[in-house]
Amino acid sequence: MGLTASADLLDDFVRADRDRALGTYGIHVHREGHPPVAHRFRSDDRVNLYSVAKTFTSVAVGLAEAEGRLSLDDRLLDHLPELRPIAADGLGAVTLRQLLTMTSGTSHRWFADERITAADLLHEIVAAPLAAAPGTRFAYTGSGPYALGRVIARVTGADLRSFLLPRLFAPLDLHNPAWHACPLGHPLAESDLFLRTEELARFAQLLLQEGRWNGRQVLPAPYVRRMTGERVDTSAVTYGEPYTHGYGLGVWIDRADTYRLDGRYRDAGQCSGLQAGGEGPRWEGR
């Protein structure tokens, strides 16, 4: 596909956005060996990425694993032993991988737009009864990513955002990104990270390049491959066909060997997402 064809596709999308009132903020297309193609529908302000933040949390877990601070096979309570007395029956078997793939079996349902009334959200998550045996059922919730953010803080001594600042944000020149925090000061992990479309596109390109940026290996390539290789079944999902193809380590698996970073308002055409595969990688930014 040449530059003219790319420009024609972009023009078609701009017309479709206008005709269908999709409400798109911006689009950024990157293909290997070609200059990026971009278009703004509004000013490129930093906006809430919603659940795309889960992928950043996944990357933090991968970095911590590469540094020998944890393993995805670790049990949650191995890193938080003081919570054993309040933990629900069976929660001691829950692993970090299950928290990341939404298969912990927890009955706890929480997302960052909901008010936190517990003195400590992590205590509430750990105490919630299991609705299924760990590893047997997919159930999408922000509870697992939030708990993983707390594990990052425990094993590294830095909160999630501070841990990623020198390891991810600085190499990509993502200066001082805002990440909303809970009342105790911990980043919400599952949502409420704020970036511009073009900044998010850098993160997307980093993943497409298996963690390499400007000649430097920023993320461990094996972990980037595992993000889509270690997937769980989501065929029972009832909130839309695009979500039935599987879920990896913080990413949605899509058709034709593609995957997505998916944020809220996808159904309104205001999506935050990465698609990789097919004829060429495509980045769609909210």
C-alpha atoms as a PDB file:
ATOM      1  CA  MET A   1       0.000   0.000   0.000  1.00  0.00           C
ATOM      2  CA  GLY A   2       1.598   3.269  -1.143  1.00  0.00           C
ATOM      3  CA  LEU A   3       1.362   6.742   0.319  1.00  0.00           C
ATOM      4  CA  THR A   4      -1.447   7.695  -2.071  1.00  0.00           C
ATOM      5  CA  ALA A   5      -3.514   4.691  -1.006  1.00  0.00           C
ATOM      6  CA  SER A   6      -2.876   5.498   2.672  1.00  0.00           C
ATOM      7  CA  ALA A   7      -3.962   9.107   2.115  1.00  0.00           C
ATOM      8  CA  ASP A   8      -7.106   7.926   0.302  1.00  0.00           C
ATOM      9  CA  LEU A   9      -7.984   5.611   3.207  1.00  0.00           C
ATOM     10  CA  LEU A  10      -7.458   8.455   5.637  1.00  0.00           C
ATOM     11  CA  ASP A  11      -9.703  10.738   3.561  1.00  0.00           C
ATOM     12  CA  ASP A  12     -12.372   8.028   3.537  1.00  0.00           C
ATOM     13  CA  PHE A  13     -12.196   7.760   7.316  1.00  0.00           C
ATOM     14  CA  VAL A  14     -12.421  11.524   7.773  1.00  0.00           C
ATOM     15  CA  ARG A  15     -15.552  11.595   5.605  1.00  0.00           C
ATOM     16  CA  ALA A  16     -17.060   8.645   7.493  1.00  0.00           C
ATOM     17  CA  ASP A  17     -16.379  10.357  10.801  1.00  0.00           C
ATOM     18  CA  ARG A  18     -18.157  13.480   9.590  1.00  0.00           C
ATOM     19  CA  ASP A  19     -21.087  11.658   8.020  1.00  0.00           C
ATOM     20  CA  ARG A  20     -21.669   9.248  10.918  1.00  0.00           C
ATOM     21  CA  ALA A  21     -20.741  11.627  13.752  1.00  0.00           C
ATOM     22  CA  LEU A  22     -18.308   9.093  15.227  1.00  0.00           C
ATOM     23  CA  GLY A  23     -16.755  11.622  17.572  1.00  0.00           C
ATOM     24  CA  THR A  24     -13.195  10.503  16.853  1.00  0.00           C
ATOM     25  CA  TYR A  25     -10.456  12.558  18.502  1.00  0.00           C
ATOM     26  CA  GLY A  26      -7.610  11.565  16.212  1.00  0.00           C
ATOM     27  CA  ILE A  27      -6.054   8.839  14.107  1.00  0.00           C
ATOM     28  CA  HIS A  28      -2.416   7.839  13.800  1.00  0.00           C
ATOM     29  CA  VAL A  29      -1.340   5.127  11.350  1.00  0.00           C
ATOM     30  CA  HIS A  30       2.115   3.592  11.511  1.00  0.00           C
ATOM     31  CA  ARG A  31       3.482   1.091   8.974  1.00  0.00           C
ATOM     32  CA  GLU A  32       6.998  -0.267   9.007  1.00  0.00           C
ATOM     33  CA  GLY A  33       9.239   1.664   6.632  1.00  0.00           C
ATOM     34  CA  HIS A  34       6.731   4.454   6.000  1.00  0.00           C
ATOM     35  CA  PRO A  35       6.227   7.863   7.598  1.00  0.00           C
ATOM     36  CA  PRO A  36       3.250   8.031   9.958  1.00  0.00           C
ATOM     37  CA  VAL A  37      -0.093   9.237   8.657  1.00  0.00           C
ATOM     38  CA  ALA A  38      -2.109  11.259  11.144  1.00  0.00           C
ATOM     39  CA  HIS A  39      -5.180  13.451  11.349  1.00  0.00           C
ATOM     40  CA  ARG A  40      -6.659  15.468  14.200  1.00  0.00           C
ATOM     41  CA  PHE A  41     -10.395  15.986  14.621  1.00  0.00           C
ATOM     42  CA  ARG A  42      -9.893  18.166  17.706  1.00  0.00           C
ATOM     43  CA  SER A  43      -6.986  19.554  19.713  1.00  0.00           C
ATOM     44  CA  ASP A  44      -4.573  16.843  20.816  1.00  0.00           C
ATOM     45  CA  ASP A  45      -5.111  17.198  24.534  1.00  0.00           C
ATOM     46  CA  ARG A  46      -4.234  14.516  27.026  1.00  0.00           C
ATOM     47  CA  VAL A  47      -7.361  12.478  27.726  1.00  0.00           C
ATOM     48  CA  ASN A  48      -8.293   9.506  29.855  1.00  0.00           C
ATOM     49  CA  LEU A  49      -7.254   6.295  28.111  1.00  0.00           C
ATOM     50  CA  TYR A  50      -9.648   4.291  30.273  1.00  0.00           C
ATOM     51  CA  SER A  51      -8.902   0.559  30.019  1.00  0.00           C
ATOM     52  CA  VAL A  52      -5.896   1.035  27.755  1.00  0.00           C
ATOM     53  CA  ALA A  53      -4.180   1.743  31.088  1.00  0.00           C
ATOM     54  CA  LYS A  54      -4.460  -1.985  31.821  1.00  0.00           C
ATOM     55  CA  THR A  55      -1.879  -2.636  29.101  1.00  0.00           C
ATOM     56  CA  PHE A  56       0.541  -0.213  30.734  1.00  0.00           C
ATOM     57  CA  THR A  57       0.058  -2.098  34.009  1.00  0.00           C
ATOM     58  CA  SER A  58       0.740  -5.358  32.184  1.00  0.00           C
ATOM     59  CA  VAL A  59       3.973  -3.911  30.795  1.00  0.00           C
ATOM     60  CA  ALA A  60       4.996  -2.868  34.322  1.00  0.00           C
ATOM     61  CA  VAL A  61       4.491  -6.458  35.482  1.00  0.00           C
ATOM     62  CA  GLY A  62       6.626  -7.680  32.563  1.00  0.00           C
ATOM     63  CA  LEU A  63       9.399  -5.241  33.435  1.00  0.00           C
ATOM     64  CA  ALA A  64       9.321  -6.236  37.105  1.00  0.00           C
ATOM     65  CA  GLU A  65       9.478  -9.892  36.091  1.00  0.00           C
ATOM     66  CA  ALA A  66      12.474  -9.230  33.839  1.00  0.00           C
ATOM     67  CA  GLU A  67      14.210  -7.554  36.791  1.00  0.00           C
ATOM     68  CA  GLY A  68      13.657 -10.659  38.906  1.00  0.00           C
ATOM     69  CA  ARG A  69      11.250  -8.962  41.311  1.00  0.00           C
ATOM     70  CA  LEU A  70       8.294 -11.260  40.671  1.00  0.00           C
ATOM     71  CA  SER A  71       6.962 -14.043  38.460  1.00  0.00           C
ATOM     72  CA  LEU A  72       3.552 -14.323  36.863  1.00  0.00           C
ATOM     73  CA  ASP A  73       3.238 -17.685  38.593  1.00  0.00           C
ATOM     74  CA  ASP A  74       3.616 -16.051  42.016  1.00  0.00           C
ATOM     75  CA  ARG A  75       0.537 -16.093  44.204  1.00  0.00           C
ATOM     76  CA  LEU A  76      -0.867 -12.697  45.121  1.00  0.00           C
ATOM     77  CA  LEU A  77      -0.711 -13.358  48.857  1.00  0.00           C
ATOM     78  CA  ASP A  78       2.933 -14.432  48.654  1.00  0.00           C
ATOM     79  CA  HIS A  79       3.680 -10.739  48.100  1.00  0.00           C
ATOM     80  CA  LEU A  80       1.037  -9.512  50.556  1.00  0.00           C
ATOM     81  CA  PRO A  81       1.177 -12.049  53.396  1.00  0.00           C
ATOM     82  CA  GLU A  82      -0.313  -9.645  55.939  1.00  0.00           C
ATOM     83  CA  LEU A  83      -3.639  -9.930  54.093  1.00  0.00           C
ATOM     84  CA  ARG A  84      -3.992 -13.682  54.614  1.00  0.00           C
ATOM     85  CA  PRO A  85      -6.210 -13.285  57.711  1.00  0.00           C
ATOM     86  CA  ILE A  86      -8.876 -11.373  55.732  1.00  0.00           C
ATOM     87  CA  ALA A  87      -8.536 -13.244  52.414  1.00  0.00           C
ATOM     88  CA  ALA A  88     -11.542 -15.112  51.067  1.00  0.00           C
ATOM     89  CA  ASP A  89     -11.462 -18.895  50.944  1.00  0.00           C
ATOM     90  CA  GLY A  90      -9.479 -20.039  47.922  1.00  0.00           C
ATOM     91  CA  LEU A  91      -7.872 -16.670  47.239  1.00  0.00           C
ATOM     92  CA  GLY A  92      -4.519 -18.001  48.391  1.00  0.00           C
ATOM     93  CA  ALA A  93      -4.282 -19.910  45.102  1.00  0.00           C
ATOM     94  CA  VAL A  94      -4.763 -16.825  42.883  1.00  0.00           C
ATOM     95  CA  THR A  95      -1.688 -16.008  40.791  1.00  0.00           C
ATOM     96  CA  LEU A  96      -0.521 -12.756  39.253  1.00  0.00           C
ATOM     97  CA  ARG A  97      -1.139 -14.240  35.806  1.00  0.00           C
ATOM     98  CA  GLN A  98      -4.774 -14.898  36.698  1.00  0.00           C
ATOM     99  CA  LEU A  99      -5.187 -11.325  37.904  1.00  0.00           C
ATOM    100  CA  LEU A 100      -3.715 -10.098  34.622  1.00  0.00           C
ATOM    101  CA  THR A 101      -5.896 -12.324  32.426  1.00  0.00           C
ATOM    102  CA  MET A 102      -9.112 -11.660  34.408  1.00  0.00           C
ATOM    103  CA  THR A 103      -9.371 -15.310  35.495  1.00  0.00           C
ATOM    104  CA  SER A 104      -8.804 -14.951  39.245  1.00  0.00           C
ATOM    105  CA  GLY A 105     -12.353 -16.105  39.978  1.00  0.00           C
ATOM    106  CA  THR A 106     -13.070 -13.096  42.190  1.00  0.00           C
ATOM    107  CA  SER A 107     -16.611 -11.868  42.623  1.00  0.00           C
ATOM    108  CA  HIS A 108     -15.265  -8.342  43.131  1.00  0.00           C
ATOM    109  CA  ARG A 109     -16.383  -5.941  40.406  1.00  0.00           C
ATOM    110  CA  TRP A 110     -14.878  -2.471  40.369  1.00  0.00           C
ATOM    111  CA  PHE A 111     -13.879   0.119  37.778  1.00  0.00           C
ATOM    112  CA  ALA A 112     -12.181   3.461  38.259  1.00  0.00           C
ATOM    113  CA  ASP A 113     -15.301   5.533  37.612  1.00  0.00           C
ATOM    114  CA  GLU A 114     -16.834   4.079  40.781  1.00  0.00           C
ATOM    115  CA  ARG A 115     -16.295   5.764  44.105  1.00  0.00           C
ATOM    116  CA  ILE A 116     -13.933   3.968  46.469  1.00  0.00           C
ATOM    117  CA  THR A 117     -15.669   3.756  49.835  1.00  0.00           C
ATOM    118  CA  ALA A 118     -13.426   1.140  51.474  1.00  0.00           C
ATOM    119  CA  ALA A 119     -10.608   2.321  53.705  1.00  0.00           C
ATOM    120  CA  ASP A 120      -8.337   0.246  51.465  1.00  0.00           C
ATOM    121  CA  LEU A 121      -9.647  -1.029  48.122  1.00  0.00           C
ATOM    122  CA  LEU A 122      -7.086  -3.846  48.127  1.00  0.00           C
ATOM    123  CA  HIS A 123      -8.503  -5.210  51.398  1.00  0.00           C
ATOM    124  CA  GLU A 124     -11.976  -5.215  49.852  1.00  0.00           C
ATOM    125  CA  ILE A 125     -10.698  -7.050  46.759  1.00  0.00           C
ATOM    126  CA  VAL A 126      -8.879  -9.704  48.770  1.00  0.00           C
ATOM    127  CA  ALA A 127     -11.853 -10.303  51.084  1.00  0.00           C
ATOM    128  CA  ALA A 128     -14.422 -10.699  48.288  1.00  0.00           C
ATOM    129  CA  PRO A 129     -15.615 -14.334  47.936  1.00  0.00           C
ATOM    130  CA  LEU A 130     -14.544 -16.262  44.873  1.00  0.00           C
ATOM    131  CA  ALA A 131     -17.265 -16.820  42.284  1.00  0.00           C
ATOM    132  CA  ALA A 132     -15.242 -19.472  40.447  1.00  0.00           C
ATOM    133  CA  ALA A 133     -12.111 -21.515  40.957  1.00  0.00           C
ATOM    134  CA  PRO A 134      -8.998 -19.533  39.972  1.00  0.00           C
ATOM    135  CA  GLY A 135      -8.132 -19.971  36.308  1.00  0.00           C
ATOM    136  CA  THR A 136     -11.496 -21.368  35.228  1.00  0.00           C
ATOM    137  CA  ARG A 137     -13.589 -18.354  34.250  1.00  0.00           C
ATOM    138  CA  PHE A 138     -12.986 -15.007  32.499  1.00  0.00           C
ATOM    139  CA  ALA A 139     -14.643 -12.008  34.164  1.00  0.00           C
ATOM    140  CA  TYR A 140     -13.561  -8.490  33.200  1.00  0.00           C
ATOM    141  CA  THR A 141     -12.936  -6.145  36.128  1.00  0.00           C
ATOM    142  CA  GLY A 142     -10.513  -3.441  37.196  1.00  0.00           C
ATOM    143  CA  SER A 143      -9.897  -5.188  40.506  1.00  0.00           C
ATOM    144  CA  GLY A 144      -7.075  -7.412  39.247  1.00  0.00           C
ATOM    145  CA  PRO A 145      -5.007  -4.651  37.619  1.00  0.00           C
ATOM    146  CA  TYR A 146      -5.387  -2.492  40.724  1.00  0.00           C
ATOM    147  CA  ALA A 147      -4.120  -5.369  42.891  1.00  0.00           C
ATOM    148  CA  LEU A 148      -1.197  -5.840  40.497  1.00  0.00           C
ATOM    149  CA  GLY A 149      -0.317  -2.175  40.867  1.00  0.00           C
ATOM    150  CA  ARG A 150      -0.118  -2.697  44.597  1.00  0.00           C
ATOM    151  CA  VAL A 151       2.153  -5.708  44.077  1.00  0.00           C
ATOM    152  CA  ILE A 152       4.447  -3.554  41.920  1.00  0.00           C
ATOM    153  CA  ALA A 153       4.646  -1.073  44.794  1.00  0.00           C
ATOM    154  CA  ARG A 154       5.456  -3.850  47.260  1.00  0.00           C
ATOM    155  CA  VAL A 155       8.216  -5.539  45.257  1.00  0.00           C
ATOM    156  CA  THR A 156       9.855  -2.390  43.850  1.00  0.00           C
ATOM    157  CA  GLY A 157       9.288   0.226  46.544  1.00  0.00           C
ATOM    158  CA  ALA A 158       7.806   2.574  43.921  1.00  0.00           C
ATOM    159  CA  ASP A 159       4.193   3.096  42.941  1.00  0.00           C
ATOM    160  CA  LEU A 160       3.131   1.981  39.472  1.00  0.00           C
ATOM    161  CA  ARG A 161       3.563   5.372  37.803  1.00  0.00           C
ATOM    162  CA  SER A 162       6.920   6.041  39.487  1.00  0.00           C
ATOM    163  CA  PHE A 163       8.146   2.584  38.489  1.00  0.00           C
ATOM    164  CA  LEU A 164       7.288   3.218  34.832  1.00  0.00           C
ATOM    165  CA  LEU A 165       8.644   6.783  34.650  1.00  0.00           C
ATOM    166  CA  PRO A 166      12.322   5.902  34.012  1.00  0.00           C
ATOM    167  CA  ARG A 167      11.645   2.538  32.368  1.00  0.00           C
ATOM    168  CA  LEU A 168       8.886   3.376  29.885  1.00  0.00           C
ATOM    169  CA  PHE A 169       7.630   6.957  29.936  1.00  0.00           C
ATOM    170  CA  ALA A 170      11.055   8.654  29.782  1.00  0.00           C
ATOM    171  CA  PRO A 171      12.427   6.519  26.895  1.00  0.00           C
ATOM    172  CA  LEU A 172       9.281   7.311  24.883  1.00  0.00           C
ATOM    173  CA  ASP A 173       9.518  11.001  25.846  1.00  0.00           C
ATOM    174  CA  LEU A 174       6.124  10.884  27.542  1.00  0.00           C
ATOM    175  CA  HIS A 175       6.738  13.743  29.941  1.00  0.00           C
ATOM    176  CA  ASN A 176       5.049  13.657  33.337  1.00  0.00           C
ATOM    177  CA  PRO A 177       1.836  11.778  32.427  1.00  0.00           C
ATOM    178  CA  ALA A 178      -1.035  12.074  34.890  1.00  0.00           C
ATOM    179  CA  TRP A 179      -2.375   8.859  36.387  1.00  0.00           C
ATOM    180  CA  HIS A 180      -5.211   9.293  38.843  1.00  0.00           C
ATOM    181  CA  ALA A 181      -4.759   7.587  42.195  1.00  0.00           C
ATOM    182  CA  CYS A 182      -6.920   6.035  44.900  1.00  0.00           C
ATOM    183  CA  PRO A 183      -7.353   7.787  48.268  1.00  0.00           C
ATOM    184  CA  LEU A 184      -4.206   6.026  49.521  1.00  0.00           C
ATOM    185  CA  GLY A 185      -2.163   7.446  46.639  1.00  0.00           C
ATOM    186  CA  HIS A 186      -1.817   4.336  44.483  1.00  0.00           C
ATOM    187  CA  PRO A 187      -2.414   4.755  40.707  1.00  0.00           C
ATOM    188  CA  LEU A 188      -5.736   3.207  39.731  1.00  0.00           C
ATOM    189  CA  ALA A 189      -3.875   0.890  37.299  1.00  0.00           C
ATOM    190  CA  GLU A 190      -6.937  -0.232  35.358  1.00  0.00           C
ATOM    191  CA  SER A 191      -7.846   3.229  34.026  1.00  0.00           C
ATOM    192  CA  ASP A 192      -7.375   6.994  34.370  1.00  0.00           C
ATOM    193  CA  LEU A 193      -3.977   7.329  32.687  1.00  0.00           C
ATOM    194  CA  PHE A 194      -3.941  10.468  30.513  1.00  0.00           C
ATOM    195  CA  LEU A 195      -2.025  10.757  27.199  1.00  0.00           C
ATOM    196  CA  ARG A 196      -2.389  12.400  23.797  1.00  0.00           C
ATOM    197  CA  THR A 197      -3.162  10.369  20.682  1.00  0.00           C
ATOM    198  CA  GLU A 198       0.350  10.833  19.327  1.00  0.00           C
ATOM    199  CA  GLU A 199       1.874   9.836  22.679  1.00  0.00           C
ATOM    200  CA  LEU A 200      -0.230   6.714  22.827  1.00  0.00           C
ATOM    201  CA  ALA A 201       0.838   5.931  19.268  1.00  0.00           C
ATOM    202  CA  ARG A 202       4.462   5.792  20.477  1.00  0.00           C
ATOM    203  CA  PHE A 203       3.504   3.124  22.982  1.00  0.00           C
ATOM    204  CA  ALA A 204       1.674   1.229  20.246  1.00  0.00           C
ATOM    205  CA  GLN A 205       4.695   1.384  17.962  1.00  0.00           C
ATOM    206  CA  LEU A 206       6.899   0.176  20.820  1.00  0.00           C
ATOM    207  CA  LEU A 207       4.728  -2.930  21.152  1.00  0.00           C
ATOM    208  CA  LEU A 208       4.737  -3.512  17.384  1.00  0.00           C
ATOM    209  CA  GLN A 209       8.549  -3.352  17.494  1.00  0.00           C
ATOM    210  CA  GLU A 210       8.602  -5.957  20.299  1.00  0.00           C
ATOM    211  CA  GLY A 211       9.728  -3.427  22.873  1.00  0.00           C
ATOM    212  CA  ARG A 212      12.512  -1.749  20.900  1.00  0.00           C
ATOM    213  CA  TRP A 213      12.684   2.064  20.586  1.00  0.00           C
ATOM    214  CA  ASN A 214      15.389   4.124  18.848  1.00  0.00           C
ATOM    215  CA  GLY A 215      17.861   1.270  19.043  1.00  0.00           C
ATOM    216  CA  ARG A 216      17.177   0.517  22.715  1.00  0.00           C
ATOM    217  CA  GLN A 217      15.342  -2.499  24.095  1.00  0.00           C
ATOM    218  CA  VAL A 218      12.876  -0.724  26.395  1.00  0.00           C
ATOM    219  CA  LEU A 219      10.613  -3.718  27.060  1.00  0.00           C
ATOM    220  CA  PRO A 220      11.659  -7.372  27.132  1.00  0.00           C
ATOM    221  CA  ALA A 221      10.759  -8.782  23.718  1.00  0.00           C
ATOM    222  CA  PRO A 222       9.758 -12.208  25.100  1.00  0.00           C
ATOM    223  CA  TYR A 223       7.181 -10.558  27.349  1.00  0.00           C
ATOM    224  CA  VAL A 224       5.724  -8.499  24.481  1.00  0.00           C
ATOM    225  CA  ARG A 225       5.245 -11.764  22.565  1.00  0.00           C
ATOM    226  CA  ARG A 226       3.664 -13.400  25.613  1.00  0.00           C
ATOM    227  CA  MET A 227       1.107 -10.599  25.858  1.00  0.00           C
ATOM    228  CA  THR A 228      -0.758 -12.199  22.946  1.00  0.00           C
ATOM    229  CA  GLY A 229       0.609 -15.745  23.238  1.00  0.00           C
ATOM    230  CA  GLU A 230      -0.702 -16.354  26.745  1.00  0.00           C
ATOM    231  CA  ARG A 231      -4.395 -15.904  26.098  1.00  0.00           C
ATOM    232  CA  VAL A 232      -7.579 -17.119  27.737  1.00  0.00           C
ATOM    233  CA  ASP A 233     -10.956 -18.029  26.288  1.00  0.00           C
ATOM    234  CA  THR A 234     -13.581 -15.259  26.211  1.00  0.00           C
ATOM    235  CA  SER A 235     -16.147 -16.945  23.960  1.00  0.00           C
ATOM    236  CA  ALA A 236     -18.801 -16.682  26.674  1.00  0.00           C
ATOM    237  CA  VAL A 237     -18.629 -12.870  26.724  1.00  0.00           C
ATOM    238  CA  THR A 238     -22.034 -11.340  25.988  1.00  0.00           C
ATOM    239  CA  TYR A 239     -21.179  -7.637  25.488  1.00  0.00           C
ATOM    240  CA  GLY A 240     -20.055  -7.810  21.872  1.00  0.00           C
ATOM    241  CA  GLU A 241     -18.537 -10.126  19.274  1.00  0.00           C
ATOM    242  CA  PRO A 242     -15.182  -8.252  19.164  1.00  0.00           C
ATOM    243  CA  TYR A 243     -14.576  -9.389  22.762  1.00  0.00           C
ATOM    244  CA  THR A 244     -15.106 -13.112  22.152  1.00  0.00           C
ATOM    245  CA  HIS A 245     -11.776 -13.953  20.512  1.00  0.00           C
ATOM    246  CA  GLY A 246      -9.683 -14.124  23.679  1.00  0.00           C
ATOM    247  CA  TYR A 247      -7.809 -11.992  26.178  1.00  0.00           C
ATOM    248  CA  GLY A 248      -4.055 -11.950  26.686  1.00  0.00           C
ATOM    249  CA  LEU A 249      -1.807 -10.260  29.212  1.00  0.00           C
ATOM    250  CA  GLY A 250      -3.644  -6.944  29.252  1.00  0.00           C
ATOM    251  CA  VAL A 251      -4.739  -6.945  25.590  1.00  0.00           C
ATOM    252  CA  TRP A 252      -7.832  -8.071  23.687  1.00  0.00           C
ATOM    253  CA  ILE A 253      -7.282 -10.647  20.959  1.00  0.00           C
ATOM    254  CA  ASP A 254      -9.079  -9.853  17.715  1.00  0.00           C
ATOM    255  CA  ARG A 255      -9.746 -11.590  14.429  1.00  0.00           C
ATOM    256  CA  ALA A 256      -7.093 -12.478  11.836  1.00  0.00           C
ATOM    257  CA  ASP A 257      -4.253 -12.648  14.349  1.00  0.00           C
ATOM    258  CA  THR A 258      -4.631  -9.056  15.518  1.00  0.00           C
ATOM    259  CA  TYR A 259      -4.914  -7.601  19.002  1.00  0.00           C
ATOM    260  CA  ARG A 260      -6.268  -4.441  20.584  1.00  0.00           C
ATOM    261  CA  LEU A 261      -5.701  -2.035  23.413  1.00  0.00           C
ATOM    262  CA  ASP A 262      -9.287  -1.154  24.110  1.00  0.00           C
ATOM    263  CA  GLY A 263     -10.657   1.779  26.073  1.00  0.00           C
ATOM    264  CA  ARG A 264     -14.122   2.932  27.004  1.00  0.00           C
ATOM    265  CA  TYR A 265     -16.548   4.429  24.474  1.00  0.00           C
ATOM    266  CA  ARG A 266     -15.442   2.080  21.719  1.00  0.00           C
ATOM    267  CA  ASP A 267     -19.117   1.659  20.830  1.00  0.00           C
ATOM    268  CA  ALA A 268     -19.409   5.414  20.327  1.00  0.00           C
ATOM    269  CA  GLY A 269     -16.492   5.525  17.923  1.00  0.00           C
ATOM    270  CA  GLN A 270     -14.257   7.163  20.507  1.00  0.00           C
ATOM    271  CA  CYS A 271     -11.876   4.311  20.924  1.00  0.00           C
ATOM    272  CA  SER A 272      -8.388   3.856  22.208  1.00  0.00           C
ATOM    273  CA  GLY A 273      -6.975   0.829  20.506  1.00  0.00           C
ATOM    274  CA  LEU A 274      -4.084  -0.871  18.817  1.00  0.00           C
ATOM    275  CA  GLN A 275      -4.548  -3.346  16.036  1.00  0.00           C
ATOM    276  CA  ALA A 276      -1.523  -5.243  14.805  1.00  0.00           C
ATOM    277  CA  GLY A 277      -1.461  -7.771  12.022  1.00  0.00           C
ATOM    278  CA  GLY A 278      -3.022  -8.300   8.621  1.00  0.00           C
ATOM    279  CA  GLU A 279      -1.847  -6.054   5.805  1.00  0.00           C
ATOM    280  CA  GLY A 280      -0.100  -3.728   8.196  1.00  0.00           C
ATOM    281  CA  PRO A 281      -0.233  -2.533  11.790  1.00  0.00           C
ATOM    282  CA  ARG A 282      -2.945   0.011  12.459  1.00  0.00           C
ATOM    283  CA  TRP A 283      -3.214   2.391  15.367  1.00  0.00           C
ATOM    284  CA  GLU A 284      -6.573   3.877  16.261  1.00  0.00           C
ATOM    285  CA  GLY A 285      -6.430   6.586  18.898  1.00  0.00           C
ATOM    286  CA  ARG A 286      -9.158   8.225  20.903  1.00  0.00           C
END
